[in-house]
């Protein structure tokens, strides 16, 4: 099974590395990072760069696609090659997935037309502009399209998908191997629980 992890300039690192560290451990997985070219790409925090292993043209028929979010995903006009690749490969995938604002790349490719989907809470309402039905859930399945909410939700999305692909015991083994047992020191991981002034400040940055 080939799982393609898409890259583009100014992606958010955890959006792609979190799902990779789950799905790449599945049985008989060929995990590949794909992008427009083989040039290194910088994450939204420029100190981190990733090297694609294949171009979009070299990856014509992945079984699963994972698209991360990040500031670059809001500049849809600059993601033409990614959007075109998604349109080509989506009909043949088993699952097409996104994390955070990566949902907007799927939406631009027409993949979310009339579908239920989620994204980062600060950008949630914008999904409706693309003919998508916004759902306030951490992971949303609509047929073979799977979307995760913001950033860390990509791990939950990937574990849920792992359970679907390979069964609960495999997914649980991957979870245990990663020691994914969240116990955050603050109750500020959702706009429902974070202090209102922090919600406002993050919305100005992330929802811009």
N, C-alpha and C. Protein backbone atom coordinates (compact mmCIF):
# COMPACT_ATOMS: atom_id res chain seq x y z
N UNK A 1 0.85 -1.20 0.00
CA UNK A 1 0.00 0.00 0.00
C UNK A 1 0.88 1.24 0.00
N UNK A 2 0.69 2.09 -1.00
CA UNK A 2 1.45 3.34 -1.05
C UNK A 2 0.65 4.47 -0.39
N UNK A 3 1.28 5.12 0.57
CA UNK A 3 0.68 6.27 1.23
C UNK A 3 1.52 7.49 0.90
N UNK A 4 0.90 8.46 0.24
CA UNK A 4 1.59 9.66 -0.22
C UNK A 4 1.29 10.81 0.73
N UNK A 5 2.34 11.40 1.26
CA UNK A 5 2.24 12.54 2.16
C UNK A 5 2.65 13.78 1.38
N UNK A 6 1.69 14.64 1.09
CA UNK A 6 1.94 15.78 0.21
C UNK A 6 2.64 16.91 0.96
N UNK A 7 3.55 17.57 0.25
CA UNK A 7 4.27 18.73 0.80
C UNK A 7 4.11 19.92 -0.13
N UNK A 8 4.17 21.11 0.44
CA UNK A 8 4.13 22.37 -0.29
C UNK A 8 4.77 23.43 0.60
N UNK A 9 5.15 24.58 0.09
CA UNK A 9 5.79 25.59 0.93
C UNK A 9 4.91 26.04 2.09
N UNK A 10 5.51 26.21 3.26
CA UNK A 10 4.85 26.72 4.46
C UNK A 10 3.78 25.78 4.99
N UNK A 11 4.06 24.46 4.92
CA UNK A 11 3.19 23.48 5.57
C UNK A 11 3.49 23.49 7.07
N UNK A 12 2.56 22.96 7.87
CA UNK A 12 2.78 22.82 9.31
C UNK A 12 3.35 21.44 9.58
N UNK A 13 4.49 21.39 10.25
CA UNK A 13 5.24 20.13 10.38
C UNK A 13 4.44 19.02 11.06
N UNK A 14 3.80 19.31 12.19
CA UNK A 14 3.10 18.25 12.91
C UNK A 14 1.92 17.71 12.10
N UNK A 15 1.34 18.55 11.24
CA UNK A 15 0.23 18.09 10.40
C UNK A 15 0.62 16.89 9.55
N UNK A 16 1.87 16.83 9.14
CA UNK A 16 2.29 15.75 8.25
C UNK A 16 3.13 14.71 8.99
N UNK A 17 3.96 15.14 9.93
CA UNK A 17 4.81 14.21 10.66
C UNK A 17 3.99 13.35 11.61
N UNK A 18 2.94 13.93 12.23
CA UNK A 18 2.09 13.14 13.12
C UNK A 18 1.44 11.96 12.40
N UNK A 19 0.69 12.21 11.31
CA UNK A 19 0.12 11.09 10.55
C UNK A 19 1.17 10.14 9.98
N UNK A 20 2.31 10.68 9.54
CA UNK A 20 3.38 9.82 9.02
C UNK A 20 3.85 8.84 10.08
N UNK A 21 4.02 9.33 11.31
CA UNK A 21 4.54 8.48 12.37
C UNK A 21 3.54 7.43 12.82
N UNK A 22 2.31 7.55 12.37
CA UNK A 22 1.29 6.52 12.60
C UNK A 22 1.19 5.59 11.40
N UNK A 23 0.89 6.16 10.24
CA UNK A 23 0.56 5.35 9.07
C UNK A 23 1.76 4.64 8.47
N UNK A 24 2.95 5.21 8.60
CA UNK A 24 4.14 4.58 8.03
C UNK A 24 4.47 3.26 8.72
N UNK A 25 3.91 3.04 9.91
CA UNK A 25 4.17 1.79 10.64
C UNK A 25 3.13 0.72 10.34
N UNK A 26 2.21 0.98 9.44
CA UNK A 26 1.25 -0.03 9.04
C UNK A 26 1.91 -1.14 8.25
N UNK A 27 1.27 -2.30 8.16
CA UNK A 27 1.87 -3.43 7.44
C UNK A 27 1.98 -3.17 5.94
N UNK A 28 3.15 -3.48 5.41
CA UNK A 28 3.40 -3.42 3.96
C UNK A 28 3.12 -2.02 3.40
N UNK A 29 3.50 -0.99 4.14
CA UNK A 29 3.29 0.39 3.69
C UNK A 29 4.53 0.91 2.98
N UNK A 30 4.31 1.51 1.83
CA UNK A 30 5.33 2.27 1.12
C UNK A 30 4.99 3.74 1.32
N UNK A 31 5.67 4.38 2.27
CA UNK A 31 5.39 5.78 2.60
C UNK A 31 6.30 6.69 1.79
N UNK A 32 5.73 7.70 1.14
CA UNK A 32 6.51 8.60 0.31
C UNK A 32 6.03 10.03 0.49
N UNK A 33 6.99 10.94 0.63
CA UNK A 33 6.68 12.36 0.65
C UNK A 33 6.73 12.87 -0.79
N UNK A 34 5.67 13.54 -1.22
CA UNK A 34 5.58 13.99 -2.60
C UNK A 34 5.38 15.51 -2.65
N UNK A 35 5.86 16.10 -3.74
CA UNK A 35 5.73 17.55 -3.91
C UNK A 35 5.88 17.87 -5.39
N UNK A 36 5.78 19.14 -5.71
CA UNK A 36 5.88 19.57 -7.11
C UNK A 36 7.25 19.23 -7.70
N UNK A 37 8.30 19.39 -6.89
CA UNK A 37 9.65 19.05 -7.34
C UNK A 37 10.36 18.34 -6.19
N UNK A 38 11.62 17.98 -6.42
CA UNK A 38 12.39 17.29 -5.40
C UNK A 38 13.21 18.26 -4.54
N UNK A 39 12.97 19.54 -4.70
CA UNK A 39 13.67 20.54 -3.89
C UNK A 39 13.18 20.52 -2.46
N UNK A 40 14.06 20.76 -1.48
CA UNK A 40 13.62 20.81 -0.07
C UNK A 40 12.56 21.90 0.13
N UNK A 41 11.63 21.64 1.03
CA UNK A 41 10.56 22.58 1.32
C UNK A 41 10.58 22.95 2.79
N UNK A 42 10.41 24.24 3.06
CA UNK A 42 10.42 24.72 4.43
C UNK A 42 9.02 24.67 5.03
N UNK A 43 8.97 24.27 6.29
CA UNK A 43 7.71 24.32 7.03
C UNK A 43 7.39 25.77 7.37
N UNK A 44 6.24 25.97 8.01
CA UNK A 44 5.84 27.33 8.37
C UNK A 44 6.83 27.97 9.33
N UNK A 45 7.49 27.16 10.14
CA UNK A 45 8.64 27.63 10.92
C UNK A 45 9.87 27.22 10.12
N UNK A 46 10.53 28.17 9.52
CA UNK A 46 11.51 27.91 8.46
C UNK A 46 12.71 27.09 8.86
N UNK A 47 12.96 26.89 10.15
CA UNK A 47 14.12 26.12 10.57
C UNK A 47 14.00 24.65 10.19
N UNK A 48 12.78 24.19 9.91
CA UNK A 48 12.57 22.80 9.56
C UNK A 48 12.31 22.69 8.06
N UNK A 49 13.09 21.83 7.39
CA UNK A 49 12.92 21.60 5.97
C UNK A 49 12.77 20.11 5.72
N UNK A 50 11.97 19.77 4.72
CA UNK A 50 11.76 18.37 4.38
C UNK A 50 12.07 18.14 2.91
N UNK A 51 12.59 16.96 2.65
CA UNK A 51 13.03 16.60 1.30
C UNK A 51 12.04 15.61 0.70
N UNK A 52 11.32 16.00 -0.35
CA UNK A 52 10.40 15.05 -1.00
C UNK A 52 11.16 13.87 -1.59
N UNK A 53 10.48 12.73 -1.62
CA UNK A 53 11.08 11.54 -2.23
C UNK A 53 10.60 11.30 -3.64
N UNK A 54 9.55 12.01 -4.05
CA UNK A 54 9.00 11.85 -5.40
C UNK A 54 8.23 13.11 -5.76
N UNK A 55 8.13 13.36 -7.06
CA UNK A 55 7.29 14.46 -7.53
C UNK A 55 5.86 13.97 -7.67
N UNK A 56 4.94 14.91 -7.84
CA UNK A 56 3.55 14.52 -8.10
C UNK A 56 3.46 13.64 -9.34
N UNK A 57 4.22 13.98 -10.36
CA UNK A 57 4.18 13.20 -11.60
C UNK A 57 4.68 11.77 -11.38
N UNK A 58 5.59 11.60 -10.42
CA UNK A 58 6.16 10.27 -10.16
C UNK A 58 5.29 9.44 -9.21
N UNK A 59 4.17 10.00 -8.79
CA UNK A 59 3.28 9.30 -7.86
C UNK A 59 1.86 9.35 -8.41
N UNK A 60 1.58 8.58 -9.46
CA UNK A 60 0.30 8.70 -10.16
C UNK A 60 -0.85 7.91 -9.56
N UNK A 61 -0.57 6.99 -8.62
CA UNK A 61 -1.67 6.12 -8.16
C UNK A 61 -1.49 5.71 -6.71
N UNK A 62 -1.41 6.66 -5.79
CA UNK A 62 -1.28 6.29 -4.37
C UNK A 62 -2.58 5.68 -3.86
N UNK A 63 -2.44 4.81 -2.87
CA UNK A 63 -3.63 4.21 -2.24
C UNK A 63 -4.26 5.15 -1.22
N UNK A 64 -3.42 5.89 -0.52
CA UNK A 64 -3.88 6.86 0.48
C UNK A 64 -3.10 8.14 0.29
N UNK A 65 -3.80 9.26 0.43
CA UNK A 65 -3.18 10.58 0.33
C UNK A 65 -3.41 11.32 1.64
N UNK A 66 -2.36 11.98 2.13
CA UNK A 66 -2.48 12.83 3.32
C UNK A 66 -1.99 14.23 2.95
N UNK A 67 -2.85 15.22 3.15
CA UNK A 67 -2.51 16.61 2.84
C UNK A 67 -2.49 17.41 4.14
N UNK A 68 -1.35 18.01 4.49
CA UNK A 68 -1.28 18.79 5.72
C UNK A 68 -1.83 20.20 5.53
N UNK A 69 -2.05 20.86 6.65
CA UNK A 69 -2.40 22.28 6.60
C UNK A 69 -1.17 23.15 6.81
N UNK A 70 -1.42 24.41 7.06
CA UNK A 70 -0.35 25.37 7.25
C UNK A 70 -0.67 26.65 6.52
N UNK A 71 0.09 27.71 6.78
CA UNK A 71 -0.16 28.98 6.10
C UNK A 71 -0.19 28.86 4.58
N UNK A 72 0.64 27.98 4.03
CA UNK A 72 0.68 27.82 2.58
C UNK A 72 -0.61 27.29 1.99
N UNK A 73 -1.39 26.56 2.79
CA UNK A 73 -2.64 25.99 2.27
C UNK A 73 -3.70 27.05 2.05
N UNK A 74 -3.50 28.23 2.63
CA UNK A 74 -4.48 29.30 2.44
C UNK A 74 -4.24 30.05 1.13
N UNK A 75 -3.07 29.83 0.53
CA UNK A 75 -2.74 30.50 -0.73
C UNK A 75 -3.01 29.52 -1.88
N UNK A 76 -4.29 29.25 -2.06
CA UNK A 76 -4.71 28.22 -3.02
C UNK A 76 -4.16 28.49 -4.41
N UNK A 77 -4.08 29.75 -4.79
CA UNK A 77 -3.60 30.09 -6.14
C UNK A 77 -2.18 29.60 -6.36
N UNK A 78 -1.42 29.42 -5.28
CA UNK A 78 -0.04 28.98 -5.41
C UNK A 78 0.10 27.46 -5.33
N UNK A 79 -1.01 26.77 -5.16
CA UNK A 79 -0.98 25.32 -4.99
C UNK A 79 -1.53 24.58 -6.20
N UNK A 80 -1.38 25.20 -7.37
CA UNK A 80 -1.98 24.62 -8.58
C UNK A 80 -1.56 23.19 -8.85
N UNK A 81 -0.27 22.89 -8.68
CA UNK A 81 0.20 21.54 -8.99
C UNK A 81 -0.35 20.53 -8.00
N UNK A 82 -0.45 20.90 -6.73
CA UNK A 82 -1.03 20.01 -5.73
C UNK A 82 -2.50 19.76 -6.01
N UNK A 83 -3.24 20.82 -6.30
CA UNK A 83 -4.67 20.68 -6.56
C UNK A 83 -4.92 19.82 -7.79
N UNK A 84 -4.15 20.04 -8.83
CA UNK A 84 -4.31 19.23 -10.05
C UNK A 84 -3.97 17.76 -9.78
N UNK A 85 -2.93 17.52 -9.01
CA UNK A 85 -2.57 16.14 -8.66
C UNK A 85 -3.68 15.48 -7.87
N UNK A 86 -4.26 16.21 -6.91
CA UNK A 86 -5.36 15.65 -6.13
C UNK A 86 -6.54 15.28 -7.03
N UNK A 87 -6.84 16.12 -8.01
CA UNK A 87 -7.94 15.80 -8.93
C UNK A 87 -7.64 14.53 -9.72
N UNK A 88 -6.38 14.34 -10.09
CA UNK A 88 -6.03 13.15 -10.88
C UNK A 88 -6.07 11.88 -10.06
N UNK A 89 -5.52 11.94 -8.84
CA UNK A 89 -5.33 10.69 -8.10
C UNK A 89 -6.53 10.31 -7.24
N UNK A 90 -7.34 11.28 -6.84
CA UNK A 90 -8.44 10.98 -5.92
C UNK A 90 -9.39 9.88 -6.41
N UNK A 91 -9.76 9.85 -7.69
CA UNK A 91 -10.68 8.77 -8.11
C UNK A 91 -10.15 7.37 -7.85
N UNK A 92 -8.82 7.20 -7.79
CA UNK A 92 -8.25 5.87 -7.60
C UNK A 92 -7.78 5.57 -6.19
N UNK A 93 -7.90 6.51 -5.26
CA UNK A 93 -7.42 6.25 -3.90
C UNK A 93 -8.41 5.39 -3.12
N UNK A 94 -7.89 4.73 -2.10
CA UNK A 94 -8.76 4.10 -1.11
C UNK A 94 -9.30 5.16 -0.15
N UNK A 95 -8.39 6.06 0.26
CA UNK A 95 -8.77 7.17 1.13
C UNK A 95 -7.96 8.41 0.75
N UNK A 96 -8.65 9.53 0.73
CA UNK A 96 -8.01 10.83 0.54
C UNK A 96 -8.25 11.62 1.82
N UNK A 97 -7.17 12.10 2.44
CA UNK A 97 -7.30 12.69 3.77
C UNK A 97 -6.61 14.05 3.84
N UNK A 98 -7.01 14.81 4.86
CA UNK A 98 -6.35 16.08 5.13
C UNK A 98 -6.29 16.31 6.62
N UNK A 99 -5.39 17.19 7.00
CA UNK A 99 -5.26 17.63 8.39
C UNK A 99 -5.34 19.14 8.41
N UNK A 100 -6.07 19.68 9.36
CA UNK A 100 -6.13 21.12 9.57
C UNK A 100 -6.60 21.81 8.28
N UNK A 101 -5.93 22.89 7.90
CA UNK A 101 -6.35 23.64 6.73
C UNK A 101 -5.96 22.97 5.41
N UNK A 102 -5.37 21.80 5.48
CA UNK A 102 -5.19 21.01 4.27
C UNK A 102 -6.51 20.70 3.60
N UNK A 103 -7.59 20.80 4.37
CA UNK A 103 -8.93 20.59 3.81
C UNK A 103 -9.22 21.55 2.67
N UNK A 104 -8.61 22.73 2.69
CA UNK A 104 -8.89 23.70 1.63
C UNK A 104 -8.25 23.31 0.30
N UNK A 105 -7.16 22.56 0.35
CA UNK A 105 -6.60 22.01 -0.90
C UNK A 105 -7.53 20.96 -1.47
N UNK A 106 -8.09 20.11 -0.60
CA UNK A 106 -9.08 19.13 -1.06
C UNK A 106 -10.30 19.84 -1.63
N UNK A 107 -10.74 20.90 -0.94
CA UNK A 107 -11.92 21.64 -1.40
C UNK A 107 -11.66 22.28 -2.76
N UNK A 108 -10.46 22.85 -2.94
CA UNK A 108 -10.14 23.49 -4.22
C UNK A 108 -10.11 22.48 -5.36
N UNK A 109 -9.83 21.22 -5.03
CA UNK A 109 -9.82 20.16 -6.05
C UNK A 109 -11.21 19.59 -6.30
N UNK A 110 -12.21 20.11 -5.57
CA UNK A 110 -13.57 19.62 -5.76
C UNK A 110 -13.90 18.37 -4.98
N UNK A 111 -12.97 17.91 -4.15
CA UNK A 111 -13.14 16.65 -3.44
C UNK A 111 -14.15 16.77 -2.30
N UNK A 112 -14.32 17.98 -1.77
CA UNK A 112 -15.23 18.16 -0.63
C UNK A 112 -16.60 18.70 -1.04
N UNK A 113 -16.89 18.76 -2.32
CA UNK A 113 -18.19 19.26 -2.77
C UNK A 113 -19.32 18.45 -2.15
N UNK A 114 -20.15 19.12 -1.35
CA UNK A 114 -21.30 18.46 -0.74
C UNK A 114 -20.96 17.47 0.35
N UNK A 115 -19.69 17.40 0.74
CA UNK A 115 -19.29 16.43 1.77
C UNK A 115 -19.19 17.10 3.14
N UNK A 116 -19.28 16.29 4.18
CA UNK A 116 -19.02 16.73 5.54
C UNK A 116 -17.51 16.74 5.76
N UNK A 117 -17.01 17.77 6.43
CA UNK A 117 -15.57 17.85 6.65
C UNK A 117 -15.28 18.77 7.83
N UNK A 118 -14.07 18.65 8.34
CA UNK A 118 -13.61 19.53 9.41
C UNK A 118 -12.26 20.12 9.06
N UNK A 119 -11.84 21.09 9.85
CA UNK A 119 -10.54 21.75 9.68
C UNK A 119 -10.21 22.44 10.99
N UNK A 120 -9.17 23.24 11.01
CA UNK A 120 -8.82 24.00 12.22
C UNK A 120 -9.99 24.89 12.63
N UNK A 121 -10.26 24.96 13.92
CA UNK A 121 -11.44 25.68 14.41
C UNK A 121 -11.49 27.13 13.93
N UNK A 122 -10.32 27.79 13.79
CA UNK A 122 -10.31 29.20 13.41
C UNK A 122 -10.66 29.40 11.94
N UNK A 123 -10.61 28.34 11.15
CA UNK A 123 -10.94 28.43 9.72
C UNK A 123 -12.20 27.65 9.38
N UNK A 124 -12.85 27.14 10.38
CA UNK A 124 -13.96 26.21 10.20
C UNK A 124 -15.07 26.78 9.31
N UNK A 125 -15.48 28.00 9.60
CA UNK A 125 -16.62 28.58 8.89
C UNK A 125 -16.35 28.77 7.40
N UNK A 126 -15.07 28.89 7.02
CA UNK A 126 -14.72 29.13 5.62
C UNK A 126 -14.99 27.92 4.74
N UNK A 127 -15.12 26.74 5.33
CA UNK A 127 -15.36 25.54 4.52
C UNK A 127 -16.63 25.66 3.70
N UNK A 128 -17.64 26.31 4.28
CA UNK A 128 -18.92 26.44 3.58
C UNK A 128 -18.78 27.22 2.28
N UNK A 129 -17.76 28.09 2.17
CA UNK A 129 -17.55 28.86 0.95
C UNK A 129 -17.19 27.97 -0.22
N UNK A 130 -16.78 26.73 0.06
CA UNK A 130 -16.36 25.80 -0.98
C UNK A 130 -17.43 24.73 -1.25
N UNK A 131 -18.64 24.95 -0.74
CA UNK A 131 -19.68 23.97 -0.94
C UNK A 131 -19.53 22.76 -0.05
N UNK A 132 -18.78 22.92 1.03
CA UNK A 132 -18.54 21.85 1.99
C UNK A 132 -19.44 22.04 3.19
N UNK A 133 -19.80 20.95 3.86
CA UNK A 133 -20.62 21.01 5.06
C UNK A 133 -19.70 20.94 6.27
N UNK A 134 -19.46 22.08 6.96
CA UNK A 134 -18.55 22.07 8.11
C UNK A 134 -19.12 21.26 9.27
N UNK A 135 -18.27 20.43 9.86
CA UNK A 135 -18.67 19.60 11.00
C UNK A 135 -17.67 19.85 12.13
N UNK A 136 -18.18 20.18 13.30
CA UNK A 136 -17.33 20.48 14.44
C UNK A 136 -16.97 19.19 15.18
N UNK A 137 -16.14 18.40 14.54
CA UNK A 137 -15.65 17.15 15.13
C UNK A 137 -14.16 17.04 14.87
N UNK A 138 -13.50 16.22 15.66
CA UNK A 138 -12.04 16.11 15.54
C UNK A 138 -11.64 15.30 14.31
N UNK A 139 -12.39 14.28 13.98
CA UNK A 139 -12.14 13.47 12.79
C UNK A 139 -13.48 13.23 12.11
N UNK A 140 -13.53 13.44 10.80
CA UNK A 140 -14.77 13.26 10.05
C UNK A 140 -14.52 12.34 8.85
N UNK A 141 -15.29 11.26 8.77
CA UNK A 141 -15.30 10.38 7.61
C UNK A 141 -16.52 10.71 6.78
N UNK A 142 -16.35 10.89 5.49
CA UNK A 142 -17.47 10.98 4.55
C UNK A 142 -17.09 10.16 3.33
N UNK A 143 -17.55 8.92 3.32
CA UNK A 143 -17.09 8.01 2.28
C UNK A 143 -15.61 7.76 2.44
N UNK A 144 -14.87 7.91 1.34
CA UNK A 144 -13.43 7.66 1.42
C UNK A 144 -12.64 8.94 1.68
N UNK A 145 -13.33 10.02 2.02
CA UNK A 145 -12.66 11.28 2.36
C UNK A 145 -12.64 11.43 3.87
N UNK A 146 -11.44 11.64 4.40
CA UNK A 146 -11.27 11.74 5.85
C UNK A 146 -10.56 13.05 6.16
N UNK A 147 -11.15 13.85 7.04
CA UNK A 147 -10.55 15.13 7.41
C UNK A 147 -10.34 15.18 8.92
N UNK A 148 -9.23 15.78 9.31
CA UNK A 148 -8.92 15.98 10.72
C UNK A 148 -8.96 17.45 11.05
N UNK A 149 -9.27 17.77 12.27
CA UNK A 149 -9.29 19.17 12.72
C UNK A 149 -7.85 19.67 12.83
N UNK A 150 -7.60 20.64 13.68
CA UNK A 150 -6.31 21.33 13.67
C UNK A 150 -5.12 20.51 14.16
N UNK A 151 -4.05 20.57 13.43
CA UNK A 151 -2.69 20.15 13.77
C UNK A 151 -2.62 18.80 14.47
N UNK A 152 -2.71 18.78 15.81
CA UNK A 152 -2.55 17.52 16.55
C UNK A 152 -3.65 16.52 16.23
N UNK A 153 -4.78 16.99 15.72
CA UNK A 153 -5.87 16.08 15.34
C UNK A 153 -5.45 15.14 14.22
N UNK A 154 -4.37 15.48 13.52
CA UNK A 154 -3.88 14.60 12.48
C UNK A 154 -3.47 13.24 13.03
N UNK A 155 -2.99 13.20 14.26
CA UNK A 155 -2.63 11.92 14.88
C UNK A 155 -3.89 11.09 15.11
N UNK A 156 -4.95 11.73 15.61
CA UNK A 156 -6.21 11.03 15.83
C UNK A 156 -6.79 10.55 14.50
N UNK A 157 -6.71 11.40 13.49
CA UNK A 157 -7.21 11.02 12.17
C UNK A 157 -6.47 9.78 11.67
N UNK A 158 -5.14 9.80 11.79
CA UNK A 158 -4.34 8.69 11.28
C UNK A 158 -4.58 7.41 12.06
N UNK A 159 -4.73 7.49 13.37
CA UNK A 159 -5.01 6.30 14.17
C UNK A 159 -6.38 5.73 13.83
N UNK A 160 -7.36 6.62 13.65
CA UNK A 160 -8.70 6.16 13.27
C UNK A 160 -8.64 5.45 11.92
N UNK A 161 -7.91 6.05 10.96
CA UNK A 161 -7.77 5.44 9.65
C UNK A 161 -7.01 4.12 9.73
N UNK A 162 -5.99 4.07 10.58
CA UNK A 162 -5.24 2.82 10.76
C UNK A 162 -6.15 1.70 11.23
N UNK A 163 -7.09 2.02 12.12
CA UNK A 163 -8.03 1.01 12.58
C UNK A 163 -8.92 0.51 11.47
N UNK A 164 -9.31 1.42 10.58
CA UNK A 164 -10.14 1.03 9.44
C UNK A 164 -9.35 0.17 8.46
N UNK A 165 -8.11 0.57 8.20
CA UNK A 165 -7.29 -0.13 7.21
C UNK A 165 -6.80 -1.49 7.70
N UNK A 166 -6.38 -1.57 8.96
CA UNK A 166 -5.66 -2.76 9.42
C UNK A 166 -6.25 -3.39 10.67
N UNK A 167 -7.31 -2.82 11.21
CA UNK A 167 -7.93 -3.39 12.39
C UNK A 167 -7.51 -2.72 13.68
N UNK A 168 -8.31 -2.91 14.70
CA UNK A 168 -8.10 -2.21 15.97
C UNK A 168 -6.77 -2.58 16.63
N UNK A 169 -6.38 -3.85 16.58
CA UNK A 169 -5.17 -4.25 17.29
C UNK A 169 -3.92 -3.62 16.67
N UNK A 170 -3.89 -3.52 15.36
CA UNK A 170 -2.75 -2.86 14.72
C UNK A 170 -2.72 -1.39 15.11
N UNK A 171 -3.88 -0.73 15.06
CA UNK A 171 -3.94 0.68 15.43
C UNK A 171 -3.55 0.88 16.89
N UNK A 172 -4.00 0.01 17.76
CA UNK A 172 -3.64 0.12 19.17
C UNK A 172 -2.15 -0.10 19.38
N UNK A 173 -1.57 -1.02 18.63
CA UNK A 173 -0.13 -1.28 18.74
C UNK A 173 0.66 -0.06 18.29
N UNK A 174 0.22 0.58 17.21
CA UNK A 174 0.89 1.80 16.75
C UNK A 174 0.76 2.89 17.79
N UNK A 175 -0.42 3.03 18.37
CA UNK A 175 -0.63 4.05 19.39
C UNK A 175 0.29 3.81 20.59
N UNK A 176 0.38 2.55 21.02
CA UNK A 176 1.24 2.24 22.16
C UNK A 176 2.71 2.46 21.83
N UNK A 177 3.10 2.06 20.61
CA UNK A 177 4.48 2.27 20.21
C UNK A 177 4.87 3.73 20.21
N UNK A 178 3.91 4.59 19.88
CA UNK A 178 4.15 6.03 19.91
C UNK A 178 3.93 6.63 21.30
N UNK A 179 3.47 5.80 22.24
CA UNK A 179 3.08 6.28 23.58
C UNK A 179 2.20 7.53 23.48
N UNK A 180 1.20 7.41 22.61
CA UNK A 180 0.28 8.53 22.42
C UNK A 180 -0.79 8.45 23.50
N UNK A 181 -0.58 9.19 24.57
CA UNK A 181 -1.44 9.17 25.75
C UNK A 181 -1.57 10.60 26.25
N UNK A 182 -2.27 11.46 25.51
CA UNK A 182 -2.27 12.91 25.80
C UNK A 182 -2.72 13.24 27.22
N UNK A 183 -1.90 14.02 27.89
CA UNK A 183 -2.22 14.54 29.22
C UNK A 183 -1.71 15.98 29.29
N UNK A 184 -2.34 16.89 28.54
CA UNK A 184 -1.82 18.25 28.44
C UNK A 184 -1.84 18.99 29.78
N UNK A 185 -0.87 19.88 29.97
CA UNK A 185 -0.80 20.60 31.24
C UNK A 185 -1.84 21.71 31.37
N UNK A 186 -2.48 22.07 30.24
CA UNK A 186 -3.50 23.12 30.26
C UNK A 186 -4.77 22.64 29.57
N UNK A 187 -5.88 23.18 29.98
CA UNK A 187 -7.15 22.89 29.32
C UNK A 187 -7.44 24.01 28.33
N UNK A 188 -6.56 24.15 27.35
CA UNK A 188 -6.67 25.25 26.40
C UNK A 188 -6.56 24.77 24.97
N UNK A 189 -6.88 23.50 24.75
CA UNK A 189 -6.73 22.94 23.42
C UNK A 189 -7.93 23.12 22.52
N UNK A 190 -8.95 23.79 23.01
CA UNK A 190 -10.17 24.02 22.24
C UNK A 190 -10.68 25.43 22.53
N UNK A 191 -11.32 26.07 21.55
CA UNK A 191 -11.88 27.40 21.83
C UNK A 191 -12.98 27.35 22.89
N UNK A 192 -13.51 26.17 23.15
CA UNK A 192 -14.54 26.05 24.19
C UNK A 192 -13.97 26.11 25.59
N UNK A 193 -12.67 25.81 25.73
CA UNK A 193 -12.07 25.75 27.07
C UNK A 193 -10.96 26.77 27.28
N UNK A 194 -10.37 27.30 26.23
CA UNK A 194 -9.28 28.27 26.38
C UNK A 194 -9.81 29.63 26.84
N UNK A 195 -8.99 30.44 27.51
CA UNK A 195 -9.41 31.78 27.90
C UNK A 195 -9.82 32.60 26.67
N UNK A 196 -10.91 33.37 26.76
CA UNK A 196 -11.43 34.09 25.59
C UNK A 196 -10.41 35.00 24.92
N UNK A 197 -9.55 35.66 25.69
CA UNK A 197 -8.59 36.58 25.06
C UNK A 197 -7.55 35.80 24.25
N UNK A 198 -7.24 34.57 24.66
CA UNK A 198 -6.31 33.74 23.90
C UNK A 198 -6.99 33.24 22.63
N UNK A 199 -8.25 32.85 22.75
CA UNK A 199 -9.01 32.44 21.56
C UNK A 199 -9.00 33.56 20.54
N UNK A 200 -9.24 34.79 20.99
CA UNK A 200 -9.28 35.94 20.08
C UNK A 200 -7.93 36.15 19.40
N UNK A 201 -6.84 36.07 20.17
CA UNK A 201 -5.52 36.35 19.59
C UNK A 201 -5.13 35.27 18.59
N UNK A 202 -5.43 34.01 18.89
CA UNK A 202 -5.09 32.92 17.96
C UNK A 202 -5.94 32.99 16.71
N UNK A 203 -7.21 33.39 16.88
CA UNK A 203 -8.07 33.52 15.71
C UNK A 203 -7.53 34.57 14.73
N UNK A 204 -6.96 35.64 15.27
CA UNK A 204 -6.42 36.69 14.40
C UNK A 204 -5.25 36.17 13.57
N UNK A 205 -4.47 35.27 14.15
CA UNK A 205 -3.28 34.75 13.45
C UNK A 205 -3.64 33.58 12.54
N UNK A 206 -4.30 32.59 13.09
CA UNK A 206 -4.55 31.34 12.36
C UNK A 206 -5.70 31.49 11.39
N UNK A 207 -6.69 32.29 11.73
CA UNK A 207 -7.86 32.42 10.87
C UNK A 207 -7.73 33.47 9.81
N UNK A 208 -6.57 34.13 9.77
CA UNK A 208 -6.37 35.22 8.81
C UNK A 208 -6.34 34.67 7.38
